[in-house]
Amino acid sequence: METIIKIAQVVLALSILILVHEFGHFFFARLFKIRVEKFYLFFDAWFSIFKYKPKNSDTEYGIGWLPLGGYCKISGMIDESMDKEAMSREPQPWEFRSKPAWQRFFVMFGGVFFNFILAILIYSATLFTWGEQYLKTQDAIYGVQCNELALEMGFRHGDKIIAFDNEPVERFNDLQITLARNQAKSATIIRDGAEINLELDPAYLPAVLNTPGMFSLRFPFQVASTDPASPNSSKLMKGDRFLTLDSTNAQIYQDVAAILSQNKGKTMRATILREGYVVETDIHVNDEGMIGIVLEGDQSKFFNITTYQYSVTGAVASGFNKSTSTIGNYIKELGLIFSPSTEAYKSVGSFISIGKIFPASWDWYIFWNITAFLSIMLAVLNLLPIPALDGGHIMFLFYEMITRRKPSDKVMEYAQIAGMLVLFAIMFLAFGNDIYRLFK
């Protein structure tokens, strides 16, 4: 069932993004009276699942069977259809190639533009509907819990990370992605009450990109409830916060979990803070290193959680700002992929990777935020100067505007073929990475 839910979310999100993108091309084409021959969700190689051509319309609308994208076939344009026969005929007034360069630019930029607008609308709507909650890095008062990679790089449990390369990181959950995205060379840290500067070895960057969970949140070990069948149920109460175990500091969950795992089957002396008083009691650790309690998981009991509720105008403004910052961040991440030394290309994925980022249960807030990010990702990728993409067509249009010379149809045909080969290579890499990760 979880797999079905994930697949449904991927299909719905990609369908929305494809339709909006292709409608951007369609909108400007029709605005400039350019004929659109086909408007398809997914590709219809050999056959289509559904197609419909309204009476007195030049456009056939349909759904293809191959869910690798979609297309808007515009008359008089060299695209992935490679319709050489149509291009060999005399240009007609309703064709793309007969229009001035500035109009053709808007037709090509329309898909990307509509994806950007969609991201702004989604972010604005989610901010208005759900507001925003996050933990500021400065409010993570117990510091970070480090994985093995973070420890090897020089970080320590309990470090309070202030900044990378002297630039503060506002959100705690953005620590690792900011470290990787900016290829940080140093970290400013508060350790044992003193501020220190930790130099970061750039050789670790590939591992940072491919090792999730470098920094987790340290939080107190506090009882939310007890298991009635546990021998500790009469000794522990809701709200109890651990201080020591056998005289060893045991205030933080991660530290307590490590101590208990080392003392399986034993009885330990616990010092506990209970309703403002310090009490001591013996607790039994079972053979699995557990003491029969449910931990308090409400972060607001331990940390100052930043919360915002937005008006309509405030949500639109913040949605725009969130979209522009996401664009900038994604461009940085894209730069990592094209830098072989970072080995970021190993993280390139296909629809399988996209499916993994969606939750196993349906959550509209998460769904729409992922869809907004994917919309920005689709827009930025389409602006790459690869001939088969919108960015490639725009590149040739800029050449035409500057030189006042139009590339020949033959040049455009060869460029389209080269661009499609590049895209197939990227798809091969993406699917190859996913398949390797599945069997790793």
Protein backbone atom coordinates (compact mmCIF):
# COMPACT_ATOMS: atom_id res chain seq x y z
CA MET A 1 0.00 0.00 0.00
CA GLU A 2 2.84 2.38 0.83
CA THR A 3 4.36 1.81 -2.61
CA ILE A 4 1.02 2.56 -4.28
CA ILE A 5 0.70 5.82 -2.32
CA LYS A 6 4.22 6.87 -3.30
CA ILE A 7 3.58 6.04 -6.98
CA ALA A 8 0.29 7.97 -6.89
CA GLN A 9 2.02 11.03 -5.46
CA VAL A 10 4.81 10.91 -8.07
CA VAL A 11 2.34 10.52 -10.95
CA LEU A 12 0.08 13.32 -9.69
CA ALA A 13 2.97 15.73 -9.00
CA LEU A 14 4.68 15.10 -12.34
CA SER A 15 1.36 15.35 -14.20
CA ILE A 16 0.71 18.77 -12.66
CA LEU A 17 4.23 19.98 -13.47
CA ILE A 18 4.18 18.70 -17.05
CA LEU A 19 0.73 20.13 -17.81
CA VAL A 20 1.67 23.54 -16.37
CA HIS A 21 5.00 23.57 -18.24
CA GLU A 22 3.51 22.62 -21.59
CA PHE A 23 0.59 25.00 -21.07
CA GLY A 24 3.16 27.80 -20.74
CA HIS A 25 4.37 27.03 -24.27
CA PHE A 26 0.78 26.60 -25.48
CA PHE A 27 -0.37 29.91 -23.96
CA PHE A 28 2.26 32.07 -25.64
CA ALA A 29 1.98 30.15 -28.92
CA ARG A 30 -1.74 30.84 -29.11
CA LEU A 31 -1.20 34.42 -27.89
CA PHE A 32 0.97 35.04 -30.96
CA LYS A 33 -1.40 33.08 -33.22
CA ILE A 34 0.98 30.15 -33.71
CA ARG A 35 -0.69 26.83 -34.46
CA VAL A 36 -0.30 24.06 -31.89
CA GLU A 37 -0.72 20.63 -33.44
CA LYS A 38 -0.56 18.47 -30.30
CA PHE A 39 -0.80 18.97 -26.54
CA TYR A 40 0.09 15.77 -24.67
CA LEU A 41 0.61 14.60 -21.12
CA PHE A 42 3.26 11.85 -21.38
CA PHE A 43 4.64 10.62 -24.70
CA ASP A 44 2.50 8.83 -27.28
CA ALA A 45 5.15 6.85 -29.17
CA TRP A 46 3.23 4.48 -31.51
CA PHE A 47 -0.08 4.92 -29.66
CA SER A 48 -1.87 7.02 -27.04
CA ILE A 49 -4.15 6.13 -24.13
CA PHE A 50 -6.51 8.98 -24.94
CA LYS A 51 -6.78 11.64 -27.61
CA TYR A 52 -9.36 14.24 -28.57
CA LYS A 53 -9.48 16.93 -31.23
CA PRO A 54 -12.27 19.49 -30.77
CA LYS A 55 -14.28 20.53 -33.79
CA ASN A 56 -12.76 23.51 -35.66
CA SER A 57 -9.56 23.19 -33.62
CA ASP A 58 -6.03 22.67 -34.92
CA THR A 59 -4.90 21.02 -31.69
CA GLU A 60 -5.12 17.36 -30.69
CA TYR A 61 -5.17 16.84 -26.92
CA GLY A 62 -4.16 13.52 -25.43
CA ILE A 63 -2.47 11.31 -22.86
CA GLY A 64 0.42 9.11 -23.92
CA TRP A 65 1.48 5.80 -22.42
CA LEU A 66 5.13 6.62 -21.70
CA PRO A 67 5.34 8.67 -18.45
CA LEU A 68 8.67 10.36 -19.14
CA GLY A 69 7.34 13.86 -19.72
CA GLY A 70 4.97 15.53 -22.13
CA TYR A 71 5.05 17.82 -25.12
CA CYS A 72 3.41 20.65 -27.01
CA LYS A 73 3.98 20.21 -30.77
CA ILE A 74 4.17 23.67 -32.30
CA SER A 75 3.89 24.13 -36.07
CA GLY A 76 7.09 25.12 -37.83
CA MET A 77 9.44 24.26 -34.98
CA ILE A 78 12.22 21.68 -34.90
CA ASP A 79 11.59 19.67 -31.75
CA GLU A 80 11.81 16.09 -30.50
CA SER A 81 9.34 14.95 -33.18
CA MET A 82 12.01 15.71 -35.84
CA ASP A 83 9.27 16.38 -38.43
CA LYS A 84 11.58 17.09 -41.41
CA GLU A 85 8.75 16.85 -43.94
CA ALA A 86 6.86 19.75 -42.39
CA MET A 87 10.04 21.81 -42.18
CA SER A 88 10.80 21.25 -45.88
CA ARG A 89 7.65 23.08 -46.93
CA GLU A 90 7.37 26.85 -47.42
CA PRO A 91 6.95 28.69 -44.08
CA GLN A 92 3.36 29.62 -43.26
CA PRO A 93 2.15 32.71 -41.31
CA TRP A 94 0.85 30.55 -38.44
CA GLU A 95 4.17 28.74 -37.93
CA PHE A 96 6.71 29.26 -35.18
CA ARG A 97 9.55 29.89 -37.66
CA SER A 98 7.60 32.74 -39.31
CA LYS A 99 7.34 34.79 -36.12
CA PRO A 100 9.85 37.41 -34.93
CA ALA A 101 12.56 36.26 -32.53
CA TRP A 102 11.10 38.05 -29.50
CA GLN A 103 7.80 36.19 -29.88
CA ARG A 104 9.59 32.87 -30.30
CA PHE A 105 11.56 33.66 -27.15
CA PHE A 106 8.37 34.01 -25.09
CA VAL A 107 6.99 30.77 -26.55
CA MET A 108 10.14 28.90 -25.49
CA PHE A 109 10.45 30.63 -22.11
CA GLY A 110 6.74 30.15 -21.37
CA GLY A 111 7.10 26.66 -19.91
CA VAL A 112 9.85 27.67 -17.52
CA PHE A 113 8.01 30.87 -16.60
CA PHE A 114 4.81 29.01 -15.76
CA ASN A 115 6.75 26.53 -13.60
CA PHE A 116 8.22 29.43 -11.62
CA ILE A 117 4.75 30.95 -11.21
CA LEU A 118 3.38 27.57 -10.08
CA ALA A 119 6.09 27.29 -7.40
CA ILE A 120 5.28 30.78 -6.09
CA LEU A 121 1.55 29.98 -5.98
CA ILE A 122 2.08 26.66 -4.18
CA TYR A 123 4.51 28.07 -1.63
CA SER A 124 2.18 31.03 -1.02
CA ALA A 125 -0.83 28.75 -0.57
CA THR A 126 0.95 26.38 1.83
CA LEU A 127 2.29 29.26 3.91
CA PHE A 128 -1.16 30.83 4.11
CA THR A 129 -2.88 27.52 4.91
CA TRP A 130 -0.43 25.88 7.29
CA GLY A 131 1.89 28.69 8.29
CA GLU A 132 5.50 27.83 9.03
CA GLN A 133 7.33 26.15 11.91
CA TYR A 134 11.02 25.46 12.28
CA LEU A 135 13.82 25.31 14.82
CA LYS A 136 16.43 28.02 14.52
CA THR A 137 20.00 26.81 14.75
CA GLN A 138 20.67 29.19 17.64
CA ASP A 139 17.75 27.62 19.56
CA ALA A 140 19.23 24.09 19.40
CA ILE A 141 20.54 24.66 22.90
CA TYR A 142 21.83 21.10 23.42
CA GLY A 143 23.84 21.13 20.20
CA VAL A 144 24.18 18.46 17.53
CA GLN A 145 24.52 14.71 17.62
CA CYS A 146 27.14 13.69 15.06
CA ASN A 147 27.33 10.61 12.88
CA GLU A 148 30.66 8.91 12.16
CA LEU A 149 31.44 11.17 9.20
CA ALA A 150 30.83 14.35 11.21
CA LEU A 151 33.05 13.05 14.02
CA GLU A 152 35.78 12.19 11.54
CA MET A 153 35.61 15.73 10.12
CA GLY A 154 36.22 17.17 13.58
CA PHE A 155 32.73 17.90 14.93
CA ARG A 156 31.80 16.68 18.41
CA HIS A 157 28.57 15.71 20.13
CA GLY A 158 27.07 18.80 21.73
CA ASP A 159 28.70 21.29 19.35
CA LYS A 160 26.51 24.31 18.66
CA ILE A 161 27.13 25.19 15.02
CA ILE A 162 26.79 28.92 14.41
CA ALA A 163 27.93 29.41 10.84
CA PHE A 164 29.77 28.00 7.82
CA ASP A 165 32.38 30.29 6.25
CA ASN A 166 31.15 33.03 8.63
CA GLU A 167 27.62 32.87 7.16
CA PRO A 168 24.98 31.99 9.80
CA VAL A 169 22.64 29.06 9.10
CA GLU A 170 19.16 30.05 10.24
CA ARG A 171 17.42 26.67 10.24
CA PHE A 172 18.77 23.65 12.12
CA ASN A 173 17.56 21.21 9.45
CA ASP A 174 19.60 23.08 6.81
CA LEU A 175 23.00 22.47 8.43
CA GLN A 176 24.22 19.60 6.26
CA ILE A 177 22.74 20.84 2.98
CA THR A 178 24.27 24.29 3.57
CA LEU A 179 27.67 22.72 4.34
CA ALA A 180 27.51 20.77 1.07
CA ARG A 181 25.82 23.37 -1.12
CA ASN A 182 28.31 26.12 -0.23
CA GLN A 183 31.31 23.74 -0.15
CA ALA A 184 32.15 25.30 3.20
CA LYS A 185 35.80 25.49 4.20
CA SER A 186 35.24 26.32 7.89
CA ALA A 187 32.63 26.08 10.63
CA THR A 188 32.15 28.41 13.59
CA ILE A 189 31.22 26.37 16.66
CA ILE A 190 30.53 26.87 20.35
CA ARG A 191 32.13 23.96 22.21
CA ASP A 192 32.25 23.78 26.01
CA GLY A 193 31.27 27.44 26.18
CA ALA A 194 34.07 28.65 23.91
CA GLU A 195 33.78 29.76 20.29
CA ILE A 196 36.15 27.93 17.96
CA ASN A 197 36.79 27.85 14.22
CA LEU A 198 36.91 24.36 12.71
CA GLU A 199 38.73 24.00 9.39
CA LEU A 200 36.96 21.60 7.02
CA ASP A 201 38.85 19.37 4.60
CA PRO A 202 37.28 19.70 1.10
CA ALA A 203 38.19 16.05 0.45
CA TYR A 204 35.18 15.12 2.61
CA LEU A 205 32.67 16.86 0.31
CA PRO A 206 31.75 13.72 -1.73
CA ALA A 207 31.02 11.87 1.51
CA VAL A 208 28.96 14.80 2.84
CA LEU A 209 26.82 14.70 -0.31
CA ASN A 210 26.23 10.97 -0.08
CA THR A 211 25.93 10.46 3.69
CA PRO A 212 22.60 11.71 5.08
CA GLY A 213 22.09 12.47 8.76
CA MET A 214 25.39 14.09 9.67
CA PHE A 215 23.76 16.27 12.32
CA SER A 216 20.75 15.29 14.41
CA LEU A 217 19.18 17.18 17.28
CA ARG A 218 20.26 16.42 20.84
CA PHE A 219 17.37 16.63 23.29
CA PRO A 220 16.69 15.71 26.95
CA PHE A 221 15.71 12.22 28.07
CA GLN A 222 12.25 12.86 29.47
CA VAL A 223 9.50 10.33 30.21
CA ALA A 224 6.17 10.75 28.37
CA SER A 225 4.60 7.51 29.64
CA THR A 226 5.56 4.10 31.03
CA ASP A 227 4.72 0.54 30.06
CA PRO A 228 2.53 -0.95 32.84
CA ALA A 229 4.20 -4.34 32.29
CA SER A 230 7.66 -2.88 32.91
CA PRO A 231 9.27 -3.33 36.35
CA ASN A 232 10.09 0.41 36.17
CA SER A 233 6.45 1.53 35.82
CA SER A 234 6.12 2.21 39.57
CA LYS A 235 9.46 4.04 39.70
CA LEU A 236 9.12 6.44 36.80
CA MET A 237 6.49 9.11 36.16
CA LYS A 238 5.44 11.27 33.24
CA GLY A 239 7.70 14.32 33.10
CA ASP A 240 10.68 12.68 34.79
CA ARG A 241 13.90 13.99 33.30
CA PHE A 242 17.08 11.95 33.74
CA LEU A 243 20.20 13.57 35.18
CA THR A 244 22.63 10.68 35.84
CA LEU A 245 22.87 6.89 35.56
CA ASP A 246 25.32 5.31 38.01
CA SER A 247 26.82 8.79 38.50
CA THR A 248 27.40 9.19 34.73
CA ASN A 249 25.90 12.30 33.11
CA ALA A 250 22.71 11.11 31.40
CA GLN A 251 20.61 14.15 30.53
CA ILE A 252 20.56 13.77 26.74
CA TYR A 253 18.58 11.03 24.97
CA GLN A 254 21.45 9.92 22.72
CA ASP A 255 23.81 9.62 25.72
CA VAL A 256 21.25 7.66 27.75
CA ALA A 257 20.57 5.27 24.85
CA ALA A 258 24.31 4.54 24.58
CA ILE A 259 24.62 3.92 28.37
CA LEU A 260 21.61 1.60 28.45
CA SER A 261 22.88 -0.44 25.49
CA GLN A 262 26.12 -1.02 27.41
CA ASN A 263 24.28 -2.18 30.54
CA LYS A 264 21.74 -4.68 29.23
CA GLY A 265 20.17 -6.85 31.93
CA LYS A 266 21.56 -4.74 34.77
CA THR A 267 20.05 -2.55 37.49
CA MET A 268 21.27 1.05 37.51
CA ARG A 269 20.97 3.92 39.97
CA ALA A 270 19.16 6.84 38.31
CA THR A 271 19.10 10.45 39.46
CA ILE A 272 15.93 12.13 38.18
CA LEU A 273 14.52 15.64 38.13
CA ARG A 274 10.83 15.35 39.07
CA GLU A 275 8.58 18.42 39.41
CA GLY A 276 11.52 20.56 40.52
CA TYR A 277 12.92 18.00 42.96
CA VAL A 278 15.87 15.63 42.54
CA VAL A 279 15.03 12.01 43.37
CA GLU A 280 16.98 8.75 43.07
CA THR A 281 15.71 5.31 42.17
CA ASP A 282 16.92 1.98 40.83
CA ILE A 283 15.81 1.07 37.32
CA HIS A 284 16.09 -2.24 35.52
CA VAL A 285 17.52 -2.39 32.01
CA ASN A 286 16.14 -5.33 30.01
CA ASP A 287 18.13 -7.57 27.68
CA GLU A 288 17.42 -5.22 24.75
CA GLY A 289 18.78 -2.15 26.52
CA MET A 290 15.29 -0.72 27.15
CA ILE A 291 13.60 0.48 30.35
CA GLY A 292 9.94 0.35 29.27
CA ILE A 293 9.11 4.00 28.66
CA VAL A 294 7.89 6.23 25.85
CA LEU A 295 10.07 9.31 25.35
CA GLU A 296 8.68 12.82 25.20
CA GLY A 297 8.82 13.76 21.52
CA ASP A 298 7.24 17.21 21.59
CA GLN A 299 10.13 19.52 20.70
CA SER A 300 8.25 22.58 21.93
CA LYS A 301 8.72 21.29 25.49
CA PHE A 302 12.50 21.64 25.13
CA PHE A 303 13.08 24.28 22.45
CA ASN A 304 11.78 27.63 21.28
CA ILE A 305 10.06 26.69 18.00
CA THR A 306 9.76 29.61 15.57
CA THR A 307 6.19 29.85 14.27
CA TYR A 308 4.67 32.15 11.65
CA GLN A 309 1.10 32.61 10.47
CA TYR A 310 0.65 34.61 7.26
CA SER A 311 -1.96 36.92 5.81
CA VAL A 312 -2.71 36.57 2.09
CA THR A 313 -0.31 39.37 1.13
CA GLY A 314 2.33 38.13 3.58
CA ALA A 315 2.04 34.59 2.22
CA VAL A 316 2.48 35.79 -1.38
CA ALA A 317 5.55 37.86 -0.46
CA SER A 318 7.08 35.01 1.52
CA GLY A 319 6.14 32.52 -1.21
CA PHE A 320 8.00 34.66 -3.75
CA ASN A 321 11.05 34.94 -1.48
CA LYS A 322 11.03 31.20 -0.79
CA SER A 323 10.86 30.47 -4.52
CA THR A 324 13.77 32.77 -5.39
CA SER A 325 15.94 31.40 -2.59
CA THR A 326 15.11 27.85 -3.66
CA ILE A 327 16.13 28.71 -7.23
CA GLY A 328 19.47 30.07 -6.03
CA ASN A 329 20.10 27.06 -3.82
CA TYR A 330 19.21 24.59 -6.57
CA ILE A 331 21.55 26.31 -9.01
CA LYS A 332 24.35 25.84 -6.45
CA GLU A 333 23.44 22.16 -6.11
CA LEU A 334 23.40 21.78 -9.88
CA GLY A 335 26.89 23.25 -9.99
CA LEU A 336 28.06 20.49 -7.64
CA ILE A 337 26.75 17.84 -10.04
CA PHE A 338 28.79 19.28 -12.93
CA SER A 339 31.93 19.31 -10.77
CA PRO A 340 33.43 15.77 -10.97
CA SER A 341 35.58 16.24 -7.86
CA THR A 342 32.48 16.47 -5.66
CA GLU A 343 31.14 13.13 -6.98
CA ALA A 344 27.68 14.71 -6.75
CA TYR A 345 26.79 13.00 -10.03
CA LYS A 346 26.42 9.82 -7.98
CA SER A 347 23.34 11.34 -6.34
CA VAL A 348 21.57 12.01 -9.65
CA GLY A 349 18.37 9.98 -9.71
CA SER A 350 15.31 9.19 -11.80
CA PHE A 351 11.64 8.76 -10.93
CA ILE A 352 12.69 6.11 -8.42
CA SER A 353 14.62 8.72 -6.40
CA ILE A 354 11.77 11.21 -6.75
CA GLY A 355 9.40 8.58 -5.37
CA LYS A 356 11.58 8.08 -2.30
CA ILE A 357 11.28 11.71 -1.21
CA PHE A 358 7.49 11.44 -0.91
CA PRO A 359 6.11 10.11 2.40
CA ALA A 360 4.56 6.64 2.70
CA SER A 361 1.26 8.16 3.87
CA TRP A 362 -0.55 10.96 2.10
CA ASP A 363 0.26 14.38 3.55
CA TRP A 364 -0.96 17.34 1.49
CA TYR A 365 1.45 19.80 3.13
CA ILE A 366 4.48 17.66 2.25
CA PHE A 367 3.06 16.80 -1.18
CA TRP A 368 2.60 20.44 -2.21
CA ASN A 369 5.99 21.53 -0.88
CA ILE A 370 7.74 18.74 -2.79
CA THR A 371 5.73 19.61 -5.91
CA ALA A 372 6.79 23.26 -5.63
CA PHE A 373 10.43 22.25 -5.34
CA LEU A 374 10.13 19.88 -8.31
CA SER A 375 8.54 22.70 -10.31
CA ILE A 376 11.59 24.88 -9.67
CA MET A 377 13.89 21.96 -10.44
CA LEU A 378 12.09 21.34 -13.75
CA ALA A 379 12.29 25.02 -14.66
CA VAL A 380 15.99 25.37 -13.87
CA LEU A 381 16.91 22.15 -15.67
CA ASN A 382 14.96 23.25 -18.73
CA LEU A 383 17.04 26.43 -18.87
CA LEU A 384 20.27 24.46 -19.36
CA PRO A 385 21.75 25.35 -22.78
CA ILE A 386 21.18 21.88 -24.20
CA PRO A 387 19.54 22.03 -27.67
CA ALA A 388 16.77 19.53 -26.86
CA LEU A 389 15.71 21.64 -23.86
CA ASP A 390 14.05 25.06 -23.77
CA GLY A 391 17.37 26.58 -22.76
CA GLY A 392 18.97 25.30 -25.96
CA HIS A 393 16.29 26.90 -28.13
CA ILE A 394 16.62 30.13 -26.15
CA MET A 395 20.39 30.03 -26.67
CA PHE A 396 19.91 29.93 -30.46
CA LEU A 397 17.31 32.72 -30.24
CA PHE A 398 19.80 34.93 -28.40
CA TYR A 399 22.34 34.15 -31.11
CA GLU A 400 19.81 35.21 -33.72
CA MET A 401 18.92 38.43 -31.87
CA ILE A 402 22.58 39.40 -31.50
CA THR A 403 23.86 38.43 -34.97
CA ARG A 404 20.62 39.10 -36.88
CA ARG A 405 21.20 35.72 -38.52
CA LYS A 406 18.96 32.71 -38.10
CA PRO A 407 20.63 29.27 -37.74
CA SER A 408 19.76 26.99 -40.67
CA ASP A 409 17.23 24.20 -40.27
CA LYS A 410 20.05 21.69 -40.79
CA VAL A 411 22.04 23.18 -37.90
CA MET A 412 18.93 23.05 -35.71
CA GLU A 413 18.30 19.42 -36.68
CA TYR A 414 21.83 18.35 -35.78
CA ALA A 415 21.71 20.38 -32.56
CA GLN A 416 18.41 18.72 -31.61
CA ILE A 417 19.88 15.26 -32.20
CA ALA A 418 22.99 16.10 -30.15
CA GLY A 419 20.85 17.50 -27.36
CA MET A 420 18.65 14.41 -27.26
CA LEU A 421 21.76 12.21 -27.03
CA VAL A 422 22.93 14.26 -24.04
CA LEU A 423 19.51 13.88 -22.40
CA PHE A 424 19.52 10.13 -23.01
CA ALA A 425 22.98 9.97 -21.39
CA ILE A 426 21.68 11.87 -18.34
CA MET A 427 18.65 9.56 -18.14
CA PHE A 428 20.95 6.54 -18.39
CA LEU A 429 23.05 7.92 -15.52
CA ALA A 430 19.96 8.65 -13.42
CA PHE A 431 18.37 5.22 -13.89
CA GLY A 432 21.76 3.54 -13.53
CA ASN A 433 22.37 5.25 -10.17
CA ASP A 434 18.92 4.23 -8.94
CA ILE A 435 19.32 0.62 -10.01
CA TYR A 436 22.78 0.48 -8.39
CA ARG A 437 21.35 1.86 -5.13
CA LEU A 438 18.52 -0.70 -5.20
CA PHE A 439 20.97 -3.62 -5.29
CA LYS A 440 23.74 -2.05 -3.22
